[in-house]
Amino acid sequence: MNKQLLLGEVTIDVVFKDIKNLHLSVHPPDGKVRISAPSRMSIDTVRSFALTKLSWIRKHQQRFKEQARQTPREYLDRESHYFFGKRYLLKVIENQRAGDVRITGSSIELHIREGTSLSKRAELMNEWYRKELKKVLPEVVNKWEKQIGVSASSWAIKSMKTRWGTCNRRVGRIWINLELAKKPPICLEYVVVHELVHLLEGHHNDRFKKYMDEFMPRWRMYKEQLNRFPISHGEWKY
């Protein structure tokens, strides 16, 4: 059962689920507010809870409005692109070495054939990002599996619009967002730790935070860094 609350200018979507505690979240890019509530809880109780969190909600909505955001990429000369946290200018080169992407100095060279479409340019860049992320991810996962004392059955990279990573606890699989190839390396480590800790605790509760504090004491700072870094058009936060 879903309901909606209106508290002044703040609209809150309320979803009743088979859970024990209330969960409040504010989602980019527009600051949409959602509360997950136990199925037997009254809407008045949820309203009272939301009223106590209004200042927190408004603060996070304002942060999303101020978030640096890239315009949609067109893959043209001198367009800014990020690779592991560093900014590069794109250099589009039309020749027979089509499909080749490489870093040269402060530039990312994209070699294409004349007339290559925007969608194909994006595909070539994403394939390159995926290849580069695959080079470093096994070492990062292995490092943190040993420190946390868990083992993922498998990991994979995929494009996700609403999550930096996900974890399927039932089968022990973790997924990492392709966009992390553009973020600082410590942000990738933070997301890997976050998802591996979910193998110990499925919810973002006090137990989860205790594990995070134990294994990565500065995780809050890394999370802030990830969410503060310039984000792609339409990209959500963690």
Protein backbone atom coordinates (compact mmCIF):
# COMPACT_ATOMS: atom_id res chain seq x y z
CA MET A 1 0.00 0.00 0.00
CA ASN A 2 1.36 3.39 -1.02
CA LYS A 3 0.33 6.80 0.28
CA GLN A 4 1.55 10.36 -0.02
CA LEU A 5 2.12 13.04 2.60
CA LEU A 6 2.29 16.78 1.96
CA LEU A 7 4.16 18.75 4.62
CA GLY A 8 4.31 22.36 3.47
CA GLU A 9 6.22 22.33 0.17
CA VAL A 10 7.62 18.83 0.80
CA THR A 11 5.89 15.85 -0.81
CA ILE A 12 6.69 12.45 0.67
CA ASP A 13 5.93 9.08 -0.89
CA VAL A 14 5.13 6.52 1.80
CA VAL A 15 5.54 2.82 1.02
CA PHE A 16 4.27 0.29 3.57
CA LYS A 17 6.35 -2.89 3.64
CA ASP A 18 7.03 -5.94 5.76
CA ILE A 19 9.82 -4.29 7.76
CA LYS A 20 10.39 -3.44 11.42
CA ASN A 21 11.62 0.16 11.27
CA LEU A 22 11.02 3.39 9.40
CA HIS A 23 13.48 4.27 6.62
CA LEU A 24 13.74 7.79 5.24
CA SER A 25 15.58 8.63 2.01
CA VAL A 26 15.97 11.67 -0.21
CA HIS A 27 16.81 10.84 -3.83
CA PRO A 28 18.68 12.79 -6.50
CA PRO A 29 18.42 14.41 -8.87
CA ASP A 30 15.30 16.29 -7.75
CA GLY A 31 15.26 15.56 -4.02
CA LYS A 32 12.33 13.15 -4.11
CA VAL A 33 11.48 11.98 -0.59
CA ARG A 34 10.46 8.45 0.31
CA ILE A 35 9.64 6.76 3.61
CA SER A 36 9.42 3.00 3.93
CA ALA A 37 7.23 2.11 6.90
CA PRO A 38 6.12 -1.09 8.65
CA SER A 39 2.89 -2.34 7.12
CA ARG A 40 0.93 -2.04 10.39
CA MET A 41 2.05 1.48 11.23
CA SER A 42 -0.54 4.26 10.99
CA ILE A 43 -0.09 7.11 8.56
CA ASP A 44 -0.34 9.55 11.49
CA THR A 45 2.71 7.94 13.10
CA VAL A 46 4.59 8.25 9.82
CA ARG A 47 3.54 11.91 9.58
CA SER A 48 4.83 12.62 13.09
CA PHE A 49 8.14 10.99 12.23
CA ALA A 50 8.42 13.00 8.99
CA LEU A 51 7.78 16.28 10.82
CA THR A 52 10.79 15.65 13.06
CA LYS A 53 12.96 15.16 9.95
CA LEU A 54 11.81 18.16 7.90
CA SER A 55 14.97 20.21 8.44
CA TRP A 56 17.12 17.20 7.47
CA ILE A 57 15.01 16.65 4.33
CA ARG A 58 15.26 20.29 3.26
CA LYS A 59 19.01 20.34 3.83
CA HIS A 60 19.55 17.32 1.58
CA GLN A 61 17.17 18.62 -1.09
CA GLN A 62 19.15 21.87 -1.19
CA ARG A 63 22.42 19.96 -1.56
CA PHE A 64 21.04 18.14 -4.59
CA LYS A 65 20.01 21.44 -6.19
CA GLU A 66 23.56 22.75 -5.76
CA GLN A 67 25.21 19.56 -7.01
CA ALA A 68 27.63 20.09 -9.88
CA ARG A 69 26.13 18.31 -12.87
CA GLN A 70 27.52 17.70 -16.30
CA THR A 71 25.38 18.40 -19.32
CA PRO A 72 24.72 15.38 -21.57
CA ARG A 73 27.89 14.32 -23.36
CA GLU A 74 28.12 14.86 -27.14
CA TYR A 75 31.61 13.32 -27.58
CA LEU A 76 33.09 16.30 -29.40
CA ASP A 77 36.57 17.83 -29.37
CA ARG A 78 37.61 19.49 -26.08
CA GLU A 79 34.61 18.15 -24.18
CA SER A 80 35.41 17.32 -20.54
CA HIS A 81 35.48 13.68 -19.48
CA TYR A 82 36.60 12.13 -16.20
CA PHE A 83 38.70 9.03 -15.64
CA PHE A 84 39.31 7.84 -12.06
CA GLY A 85 38.72 11.33 -10.73
CA LYS A 86 40.90 13.24 -13.17
CA ARG A 87 39.53 15.60 -15.79
CA TYR A 88 40.58 15.11 -19.42
CA LEU A 89 39.69 16.86 -22.67
CA LEU A 90 38.35 14.64 -25.40
CA LYS A 91 40.25 14.57 -28.68
CA VAL A 92 38.21 13.07 -31.51
CA ILE A 93 40.37 11.63 -34.29
CA GLU A 94 38.83 10.34 -37.51
CA ASN A 95 40.94 7.55 -39.04
CA GLN A 96 41.00 3.84 -39.76
CA ARG A 97 41.87 2.92 -36.15
CA ALA A 98 38.18 3.11 -35.32
CA GLY A 99 37.17 2.04 -31.83
CA ASP A 100 40.52 2.84 -30.25
CA VAL A 101 40.40 4.90 -27.03
CA ARG A 102 43.55 5.92 -25.18
CA ILE A 103 44.89 8.54 -22.79
CA THR A 104 47.62 10.82 -24.11
CA GLY A 105 48.81 13.46 -21.67
CA SER A 106 45.79 15.48 -20.58
CA SER A 107 43.57 14.15 -23.38
CA ILE A 108 41.42 11.11 -23.99
CA GLU A 109 41.76 10.21 -27.67
CA LEU A 110 38.68 8.73 -29.32
CA HIS A 111 39.52 7.22 -32.70
CA ILE A 112 36.47 6.84 -34.94
CA ARG A 113 35.49 6.66 -38.58
CA GLU A 114 34.05 9.72 -40.25
CA GLY A 115 30.33 10.09 -39.60
CA THR A 116 30.25 7.90 -36.48
CA SER A 117 26.96 8.50 -34.64
CA LEU A 118 26.63 9.93 -31.13
CA SER A 119 25.30 6.62 -29.81
CA LYS A 120 28.26 4.72 -31.28
CA ARG A 121 30.73 7.22 -29.77
CA ALA A 122 29.08 6.75 -26.38
CA GLU A 123 29.21 2.97 -26.82
CA LEU A 124 32.94 3.06 -27.62
CA MET A 125 33.68 5.23 -24.60
CA ASN A 126 31.64 3.02 -22.29
CA GLU A 127 33.38 -0.10 -23.58
CA TRP A 128 36.72 1.55 -22.78
CA TYR A 129 35.57 2.58 -19.29
CA ARG A 130 34.35 -0.98 -18.67
CA LYS A 131 37.67 -2.47 -19.82
CA GLU A 132 39.66 -0.11 -17.57
CA LEU A 133 37.42 -0.74 -14.56
CA LYS A 134 37.77 -4.50 -15.04
CA LYS A 135 41.55 -4.12 -14.80
CA VAL A 136 41.45 -2.73 -11.24
CA LEU A 137 38.27 -4.17 -9.74
CA PRO A 138 39.51 -7.73 -9.03
CA GLU A 139 42.37 -6.44 -6.88
CA VAL A 140 40.09 -4.07 -4.98
CA VAL A 141 37.48 -6.77 -4.32
CA ASN A 142 40.10 -9.30 -3.26
CA LYS A 143 41.75 -6.81 -0.88
CA TRP A 144 38.51 -6.00 0.93
CA GLU A 145 37.17 -9.56 0.96
CA LYS A 146 40.22 -10.52 3.01
CA GLN A 147 39.86 -7.57 5.39
CA ILE A 148 36.13 -7.98 5.92
CA GLY A 149 36.22 -11.78 6.03
CA VAL A 150 33.61 -12.41 3.35
CA SER A 151 33.71 -13.74 -0.18
CA ALA A 152 31.44 -12.65 -3.01
CA SER A 153 30.37 -15.53 -5.24
CA SER A 154 30.79 -13.22 -8.23
CA TRP A 155 30.98 -9.57 -9.20
CA ALA A 156 30.10 -7.69 -12.35
CA ILE A 157 29.96 -4.20 -13.81
CA LYS A 158 26.83 -2.66 -15.25
CA SER A 159 25.25 0.72 -15.95
CA MET A 160 22.82 1.69 -13.21
CA LYS A 161 20.79 4.87 -12.93
CA THR A 162 19.91 4.74 -9.24
CA ARG A 163 22.70 2.87 -7.46
CA TRP A 164 26.48 2.99 -7.24
CA GLY A 165 26.40 -0.70 -6.38
CA THR A 166 24.06 -3.51 -5.38
CA CYS A 167 24.37 -6.77 -3.48
CA ASN A 168 22.31 -9.92 -3.80
CA ARG A 169 22.86 -11.51 -0.38
CA ARG A 170 21.03 -14.70 -1.30
CA VAL A 171 23.60 -15.67 -3.94
CA GLY A 172 26.47 -13.47 -2.75
CA ARG A 173 26.74 -11.46 -5.96
CA ILE A 174 27.74 -7.79 -6.12
CA TRP A 175 27.30 -5.32 -8.97
CA ILE A 176 29.40 -2.19 -9.46
CA ASN A 177 28.24 0.84 -11.43
CA LEU A 178 30.19 1.53 -14.61
CA GLU A 179 30.21 5.24 -13.69
CA LEU A 180 32.76 4.51 -10.96
CA ALA A 181 35.43 4.38 -13.68
CA LYS A 182 35.04 8.17 -13.73
CA LYS A 183 35.27 8.72 -9.98
CA PRO A 184 38.33 8.90 -7.67
CA PRO A 185 39.72 5.42 -6.84
CA ILE A 186 38.85 5.75 -3.15
CA CYS A 187 35.20 6.09 -4.17
CA LEU A 188 35.38 2.72 -5.92
CA GLU A 189 36.90 1.22 -2.76
CA TYR A 190 34.13 2.73 -0.64
CA VAL A 191 31.40 1.24 -2.85
CA VAL A 192 33.09 -2.19 -2.84
CA VAL A 193 33.32 -2.12 0.96
CA HIS A 194 29.70 -0.98 1.21
CA GLU A 195 28.47 -3.89 -0.91
CA LEU A 196 30.67 -6.49 0.75
CA VAL A 197 29.47 -5.38 4.19
CA HIS A 198 25.95 -6.07 2.94
CA LEU A 199 26.95 -9.74 2.92
CA LEU A 200 27.10 -9.36 6.72
CA GLU A 201 24.12 -7.03 7.15
CA GLY A 202 21.43 -6.40 4.54
CA HIS A 203 20.05 -3.12 5.90
CA HIS A 204 21.55 0.33 6.45
CA ASN A 205 21.02 0.09 10.18
CA ASP A 206 23.28 0.66 13.20
CA ARG A 207 24.85 -2.78 12.77
CA PHE A 208 25.75 -1.95 9.18
CA LYS A 209 27.28 1.39 10.21
CA LYS A 210 29.25 -0.34 12.97
CA TYR A 211 30.77 -2.70 10.42
CA MET A 212 31.58 0.22 8.13
CA ASP A 213 33.25 2.08 11.00
CA GLU A 214 35.30 -1.00 11.79
CA PHE A 215 36.53 -1.78 8.29
CA MET A 216 36.68 1.73 6.78
CA PRO A 217 36.66 4.36 9.56
CA ARG A 218 36.59 7.30 7.11
CA TRP A 219 33.77 5.90 4.98
CA ARG A 220 31.50 8.89 5.61
CA MET A 221 34.10 11.21 4.14
CA TYR A 222 34.48 8.96 1.07
CA LYS A 223 30.72 8.83 0.64
CA GLU A 224 30.58 12.61 0.79
CA GLN A 225 33.39 12.83 -1.76
CA LEU A 226 31.56 10.47 -4.11
CA ASN A 227 28.34 12.43 -3.90
CA ARG A 228 30.09 15.79 -4.18
CA PHE A 229 32.05 14.89 -7.30
CA PRO A 230 30.62 16.22 -10.61
CA ILE A 231 27.95 13.79 -11.71
CA SER A 232 26.70 12.84 -15.13
CA HIS A 233 23.38 14.07 -16.43
CA GLY A 234 20.62 11.99 -14.86
CA GLU A 235 22.94 10.13 -12.50
CA TRP A 236 21.64 9.42 -8.98
CA LYS A 237 23.53 9.34 -5.72
CA TYR A 238 24.45 6.46 -3.48
